[in-house]
Amino acid sequence: MSTPPRHFVPVARWLHWSMAVGLLAMLFIGAGMAASVSERHEWLLQLHKPLGIALLALAVIRVAVRLSTRQPPLPADLPRPQALAAKASHVLLYGLMLSLPLLGWAMLSAAGDPVSLGAGVQLPPLIAPDAKTFAVLRTAHGYLAYLLFLTVLVHLAAALYHGLIRRDGVLRSMARAK
C-alpha cells in the first residue's frame, strides 16, 4: 500500500484557488445586481453570465480531477462529527458549484434572455420561456447563492481553524507543495 499524498495534485490546487476567486467575484457581482433596481447594473449582468459559465466548466473539470486523483486524508485524530461535516460541506460546495450556474442558465432561458459569452457566442436555451418558471428559478438561484456564500464562509472558517489552531496540515494540503 502506498503512502497517502500530503498535498492535492497541482491541477486540483489551481482549480481550487482559481474558483475561490471566481466564486467570490460572482457572489459580490450577484449582490450588486440584487441591490440595484436600475439599469446601471447591466454591465454586472454581462460579466455575471460568462463568468458563471466559466465556473460551471471549471467545476465539471474539478469534479473529474477529484474523482480521478487521490486526496490527502483528513487527520486521524479529527473527531468523527468534524470529519463528516467536512465531507458533507464538500459535497454541498460541489453541488452548488454545479447547480447554481445551471439554474442561472435555465432562469435566463425561462426569461427568454440569451446567455451570451461574448464575441457573438450564445448558449442555447435550456428550457422554453415561461414567466412562472422564471420566477421560481430566480428565487431558487437567489436562495442557493446565499447558501453558497454561507458555505464558503464556513469552509474558510474551517480552513483557518485547521491552519491556525489545529495546525494539522489540512490547510497546507491545498497550499503550494514544498
C-alpha atoms as a PDB file:
ATOM      1  CA  MET A   1       0.000   0.000   0.000  1.00  0.00           C
ATOM      2  CA  SER A   2       1.415   3.376  -0.976  1.00  0.00           C
ATOM      3  CA  THR A   3       1.784   6.359   1.305  1.00  0.00           C
ATOM      4  CA  PRO A   4      -1.197   8.721   1.116  1.00  0.00           C
ATOM      5  CA  PRO A   5      -0.447  12.074  -0.518  1.00  0.00           C
ATOM      6  CA  ARG A   6       0.225  15.083   1.706  1.00  0.00           C
ATOM      7  CA  HIS A   7      -0.953  17.606  -0.897  1.00  0.00           C
ATOM      8  CA  PHE A   8      -3.641  17.800  -3.522  1.00  0.00           C
ATOM      9  CA  VAL A   9      -2.323  17.460  -7.078  1.00  0.00           C
ATOM     10  CA  PRO A  10      -1.259  20.784  -8.647  1.00  0.00           C
ATOM     11  CA  VAL A  11      -4.228  20.992 -11.023  1.00  0.00           C
ATOM     12  CA  ALA A  12      -6.633  20.479  -8.098  1.00  0.00           C
ATOM     13  CA  ARG A  13      -4.927  23.249  -6.153  1.00  0.00           C
ATOM     14  CA  TRP A  14      -5.023  25.576  -9.172  1.00  0.00           C
ATOM     15  CA  LEU A  15      -8.721  24.847  -9.743  1.00  0.00           C
ATOM     16  CA  HIS A  16      -9.475  25.377  -6.038  1.00  0.00           C
ATOM     17  CA  TRP A  17      -7.850  28.805  -5.804  1.00  0.00           C
ATOM     18  CA  SER A  18      -8.989  29.977  -9.242  1.00  0.00           C
ATOM     19  CA  MET A  19     -12.554  29.013  -8.461  1.00  0.00           C
ATOM     20  CA  ALA A  20     -12.324  30.603  -4.999  1.00  0.00           C
ATOM     21  CA  VAL A  21     -11.511  33.949  -6.632  1.00  0.00           C
ATOM     22  CA  GLY A  22     -14.197  33.452  -9.294  1.00  0.00           C
ATOM     23  CA  LEU A  23     -16.877  32.405  -6.804  1.00  0.00           C
ATOM     24  CA  LEU A  24     -16.181  35.346  -4.526  1.00  0.00           C
ATOM     25  CA  ALA A  25     -16.364  37.666  -7.534  1.00  0.00           C
ATOM     26  CA  MET A  26     -19.660  36.084  -8.573  1.00  0.00           C
ATOM     27  CA  LEU A  27     -21.124  36.461  -5.092  1.00  0.00           C
ATOM     28  CA  PHE A  28     -20.227  40.154  -4.978  1.00  0.00           C
ATOM     29  CA  ILE A  29     -21.416  40.751  -8.547  1.00  0.00           C
ATOM     30  CA  GLY A  30     -24.682  38.968  -7.744  1.00  0.00           C
ATOM     31  CA  ALA A  31     -25.129  41.003  -4.575  1.00  0.00           C
ATOM     32  CA  GLY A  32     -24.530  44.183  -6.579  1.00  0.00           C
ATOM     33  CA  MET A  33     -27.151  43.169  -9.121  1.00  0.00           C
ATOM     34  CA  ALA A  34     -29.667  42.225  -6.435  1.00  0.00           C
ATOM     35  CA  ALA A  35     -29.156  45.514  -4.595  1.00  0.00           C
ATOM     36  CA  SER A  36     -29.691  47.606  -7.730  1.00  0.00           C
ATOM     37  CA  VAL A  37     -33.060  48.304  -9.279  1.00  0.00           C
ATOM     38  CA  SER A  38     -31.654  50.500 -12.006  1.00  0.00           C
ATOM     39  CA  GLU A  39     -30.408  49.649 -15.456  1.00  0.00           C
ATOM     40  CA  ARG A  40     -26.919  50.692 -14.363  1.00  0.00           C
ATOM     41  CA  HIS A  41     -26.179  47.135 -13.265  1.00  0.00           C
ATOM     42  CA  GLU A  42     -26.400  45.843 -16.869  1.00  0.00           C
ATOM     43  CA  TRP A  43     -22.592  45.657 -17.091  1.00  0.00           C
ATOM     44  CA  LEU A  44     -22.587  43.442 -13.988  1.00  0.00           C
ATOM     45  CA  LEU A  45     -25.067  41.107 -15.661  1.00  0.00           C
ATOM     46  CA  GLN A  46     -22.915  40.959 -18.784  1.00  0.00           C
ATOM     47  CA  LEU A  47     -19.984  39.956 -16.574  1.00  0.00           C
ATOM     48  CA  HIS A  48     -22.017  37.544 -14.427  1.00  0.00           C
ATOM     49  CA  LYS A  49     -23.237  35.353 -17.314  1.00  0.00           C
ATOM     50  CA  PRO A  50     -19.928  34.314 -18.917  1.00  0.00           C
ATOM     51  CA  LEU A  51     -18.183  34.079 -15.546  1.00  0.00           C
ATOM     52  CA  GLY A  52     -20.920  31.729 -14.346  1.00  0.00           C
ATOM     53  CA  ILE A  53     -20.494  29.503 -17.403  1.00  0.00           C
ATOM     54  CA  ALA A  54     -16.701  29.553 -16.970  1.00  0.00           C
ATOM     55  CA  LEU A  55     -17.127  28.497 -13.343  1.00  0.00           C
ATOM     56  CA  LEU A  56     -19.506  25.732 -14.437  1.00  0.00           C
ATOM     57  CA  ALA A  57     -16.877  24.420 -16.865  1.00  0.00           C
ATOM     58  CA  LEU A  58     -14.185  24.599 -14.174  1.00  0.00           C
ATOM     59  CA  ALA A  59     -16.485  22.826 -11.701  1.00  0.00           C
ATOM     60  CA  VAL A  60     -17.020  19.955 -14.151  1.00  0.00           C
ATOM     61  CA  ILE A  61     -13.252  19.681 -14.620  1.00  0.00           C
ATOM     62  CA  ARG A  62     -12.777  19.909 -10.862  1.00  0.00           C
ATOM     63  CA  VAL A  63     -15.168  17.027 -10.230  1.00  0.00           C
ATOM     64  CA  ALA A  64     -13.324  14.944 -12.829  1.00  0.00           C
ATOM     65  CA  VAL A  65      -9.972  15.745 -11.198  1.00  0.00           C
ATOM     66  CA  ARG A  66     -11.366  14.972  -7.752  1.00  0.00           C
ATOM     67  CA  LEU A  67     -12.706  11.594  -8.884  1.00  0.00           C
ATOM     68  CA  SER A  68      -9.527  10.650 -10.742  1.00  0.00           C
ATOM     69  CA  THR A  69      -6.877  11.601  -8.172  1.00  0.00           C
ATOM     70  CA  ARG A  70      -6.057  10.711  -4.594  1.00  0.00           C
ATOM     71  CA  GLN A  71      -6.655  13.333  -1.939  1.00  0.00           C
ATOM     72  CA  PRO A  72      -4.762  13.719   1.317  1.00  0.00           C
ATOM     73  CA  PRO A  73      -6.648  12.051   4.150  1.00  0.00           C
ATOM     74  CA  LEU A  74      -8.163  14.045   6.970  1.00  0.00           C
ATOM     75  CA  PRO A  75      -6.163  13.866  10.209  1.00  0.00           C
ATOM     76  CA  ALA A  76      -6.682  10.563  12.004  1.00  0.00           C
ATOM     77  CA  ASP A  77      -7.430  12.370  15.282  1.00  0.00           C
ATOM     78  CA  LEU A  78     -10.147  14.567  13.761  1.00  0.00           C
ATOM     79  CA  PRO A  79     -13.388  13.967  15.676  1.00  0.00           C
ATOM     80  CA  ARG A  80     -15.908  11.976  13.633  1.00  0.00           C
ATOM     81  CA  PRO A  81     -18.552  14.761  13.581  1.00  0.00           C
ATOM     82  CA  GLN A  82     -15.969  17.171  12.141  1.00  0.00           C
ATOM     83  CA  ALA A  83     -14.859  14.642   9.532  1.00  0.00           C
ATOM     84  CA  LEU A  84     -18.485  14.080   8.500  1.00  0.00           C
ATOM     85  CA  ALA A  85     -19.085  17.845   8.399  1.00  0.00           C
ATOM     86  CA  ALA A  86     -16.005  18.281   6.182  1.00  0.00           C
ATOM     87  CA  LYS A  87     -17.219  15.639   3.742  1.00  0.00           C
ATOM     88  CA  ALA A  88     -20.794  16.943   3.731  1.00  0.00           C
ATOM     89  CA  SER A  89     -19.645  20.536   3.186  1.00  0.00           C
ATOM     90  CA  HIS A  90     -17.525  19.462   0.211  1.00  0.00           C
ATOM     91  CA  VAL A  91     -20.465  17.626  -1.331  1.00  0.00           C
ATOM     92  CA  LEU A  92     -22.581  20.744  -0.777  1.00  0.00           C
ATOM     93  CA  LEU A  93     -19.916  23.013  -2.295  1.00  0.00           C
ATOM     94  CA  TYR A  94     -19.558  20.819  -5.388  1.00  0.00           C
ATOM     95  CA  GLY A  95     -23.339  20.559  -5.729  1.00  0.00           C
ATOM     96  CA  LEU A  96     -23.737  24.331  -5.525  1.00  0.00           C
ATOM     97  CA  MET A  97     -20.842  24.989  -7.916  1.00  0.00           C
ATOM     98  CA  LEU A  98     -22.596  22.805 -10.480  1.00  0.00           C
ATOM     99  CA  SER A  99     -26.230  23.696  -9.822  1.00  0.00           C
ATOM    100  CA  LEU A 100     -26.043  27.491  -9.479  1.00  0.00           C
ATOM    101  CA  PRO A 101     -24.726  28.184 -12.994  1.00  0.00           C
ATOM    102  CA  LEU A 102     -27.161  25.663 -14.487  1.00  0.00           C
ATOM    103  CA  LEU A 103     -30.001  27.245 -12.545  1.00  0.00           C
ATOM    104  CA  GLY A 104     -28.941  30.705 -13.739  1.00  0.00           C
ATOM    105  CA  TRP A 105     -28.790  29.488 -17.329  1.00  0.00           C
ATOM    106  CA  ALA A 106     -32.233  27.890 -17.016  1.00  0.00           C
ATOM    107  CA  MET A 107     -33.577  31.043 -15.350  1.00  0.00           C
ATOM    108  CA  LEU A 108     -32.369  33.218 -18.220  1.00  0.00           C
ATOM    109  CA  SER A 109     -33.803  30.720 -20.706  1.00  0.00           C
ATOM    110  CA  ALA A 110     -37.165  30.946 -18.942  1.00  0.00           C
ATOM    111  CA  ALA A 111     -36.936  34.738 -19.212  1.00  0.00           C
ATOM    112  CA  GLY A 112     -36.231  34.456 -22.936  1.00  0.00           C
ATOM    113  CA  ASP A 113     -32.811  36.060 -22.450  1.00  0.00           C
ATOM    114  CA  PRO A 114     -29.789  34.539 -24.168  1.00  0.00           C
ATOM    115  CA  VAL A 115     -26.665  33.591 -22.271  1.00  0.00           C
ATOM    116  CA  SER A 116     -24.040  35.481 -24.212  1.00  0.00           C
ATOM    117  CA  LEU A 117     -20.400  34.543 -23.746  1.00  0.00           C
ATOM    118  CA  GLY A 118     -19.158  37.489 -25.784  1.00  0.00           C
ATOM    119  CA  ALA A 119     -17.814  37.699 -29.335  1.00  0.00           C
ATOM    120  CA  GLY A 120     -21.274  36.755 -30.633  1.00  0.00           C
ATOM    121  CA  VAL A 121     -21.290  33.352 -28.889  1.00  0.00           C
ATOM    122  CA  GLN A 122     -24.619  32.460 -27.299  1.00  0.00           C
ATOM    123  CA  LEU A 123     -25.600  29.303 -25.485  1.00  0.00           C
ATOM    124  CA  PRO A 124     -28.812  27.554 -26.478  1.00  0.00           C
ATOM    125  CA  PRO A 125     -31.735  27.885 -24.084  1.00  0.00           C
ATOM    126  CA  LEU A 126     -32.148  25.076 -21.574  1.00  0.00           C
ATOM    127  CA  ILE A 127     -35.920  25.497 -21.304  1.00  0.00           C
ATOM    128  CA  ALA A 128     -38.710  27.333 -23.077  1.00  0.00           C
ATOM    129  CA  PRO A 129     -39.585  30.877 -21.983  1.00  0.00           C
ATOM    130  CA  ASP A 130     -42.152  30.909 -19.183  1.00  0.00           C
ATOM    131  CA  ALA A 131     -42.721  33.736 -16.685  1.00  0.00           C
ATOM    132  CA  LYS A 132     -43.798  31.477 -13.788  1.00  0.00           C
ATOM    133  CA  THR A 133     -40.816  29.178 -14.244  1.00  0.00           C
ATOM    134  CA  PHE A 134     -38.537  32.213 -14.409  1.00  0.00           C
ATOM    135  CA  ALA A 135     -39.908  33.494 -11.082  1.00  0.00           C
ATOM    136  CA  VAL A 136     -39.368  30.138  -9.359  1.00  0.00           C
ATOM    137  CA  LEU A 137     -35.864  29.745 -10.783  1.00  0.00           C
ATOM    138  CA  ARG A 138     -34.893  33.305  -9.876  1.00  0.00           C
ATOM    139  CA  THR A 139     -35.961  32.754  -6.283  1.00  0.00           C
ATOM    140  CA  ALA A 140     -34.134  29.425  -6.119  1.00  0.00           C
ATOM    141  CA  HIS A 141     -30.990  30.965  -7.679  1.00  0.00           C
ATOM    142  CA  GLY A 142     -31.011  33.721  -5.054  1.00  0.00           C
ATOM    143  CA  TYR A 143     -31.501  31.380  -2.099  1.00  0.00           C
ATOM    144  CA  LEU A 144     -28.838  28.970  -3.340  1.00  0.00           C
ATOM    145  CA  ALA A 145     -26.426  31.889  -3.823  1.00  0.00           C
ATOM    146  CA  TYR A 146     -26.939  32.805  -0.147  1.00  0.00           C
ATOM    147  CA  LEU A 147     -26.374  29.164   0.769  1.00  0.00           C
ATOM    148  CA  LEU A 148     -23.157  29.152  -1.279  1.00  0.00           C
ATOM    149  CA  PHE A 149     -21.979  32.318   0.472  1.00  0.00           C
ATOM    150  CA  LEU A 150     -22.682  30.785   3.872  1.00  0.00           C
ATOM    151  CA  THR A 151     -20.980  27.528   2.890  1.00  0.00           C
ATOM    152  CA  VAL A 152     -17.904  29.396   1.632  1.00  0.00           C
ATOM    153  CA  LEU A 153     -17.710  31.292   4.942  1.00  0.00           C
ATOM    154  CA  VAL A 154     -17.910  28.029   6.900  1.00  0.00           C
ATOM    155  CA  HIS A 155     -15.290  26.479   4.587  1.00  0.00           C
ATOM    156  CA  LEU A 156     -12.984  29.457   5.146  1.00  0.00           C
ATOM    157  CA  ALA A 157     -13.508  29.289   8.924  1.00  0.00           C
ATOM    158  CA  ALA A 158     -12.707  25.569   8.908  1.00  0.00           C
ATOM    159  CA  ALA A 159      -9.548  26.170   6.842  1.00  0.00           C
ATOM    160  CA  LEU A 160      -8.396  28.841   9.292  1.00  0.00           C
ATOM    161  CA  TYR A 161      -9.215  26.542  12.229  1.00  0.00           C
ATOM    162  CA  HIS A 162      -7.069  23.786  10.719  1.00  0.00           C
ATOM    163  CA  GLY A 163      -4.266  26.164   9.745  1.00  0.00           C
ATOM    164  CA  LEU A 164      -4.077  28.407  12.806  1.00  0.00           C
ATOM    165  CA  ILE A 165      -5.435  26.350  15.693  1.00  0.00           C
ATOM    166  CA  ARG A 166      -5.050  22.641  14.942  1.00  0.00           C
ATOM    167  CA  ARG A 167      -2.016  23.105  12.662  1.00  0.00           C
ATOM    168  CA  ASP A 168      -2.686  19.635  11.318  1.00  0.00           C
ATOM    169  CA  GLY A 169      -1.689  20.074   7.674  1.00  0.00           C
ATOM    170  CA  VAL A 170      -5.195  20.273   6.236  1.00  0.00           C
ATOM    171  CA  LEU A 171      -4.761  23.879   5.071  1.00  0.00           C
ATOM    172  CA  ARG A 172      -1.208  23.150   3.863  1.00  0.00           C
ATOM    173  CA  SER A 173      -2.516  20.277   1.721  1.00  0.00           C
ATOM    174  CA  MET A 174      -4.304  22.800  -0.527  1.00  0.00           C
ATOM    175  CA  ALA A 175      -1.480  25.326  -0.396  1.00  0.00           C
ATOM    176  CA  ARG A 176       1.627  25.135  -2.527  1.00  0.00           C
ATOM    177  CA  ALA A 177       3.558  21.897  -2.047  1.00  0.00           C
ATOM    178  CA  LYS A 178       7.105  22.282  -0.812  1.00  0.00           C
END
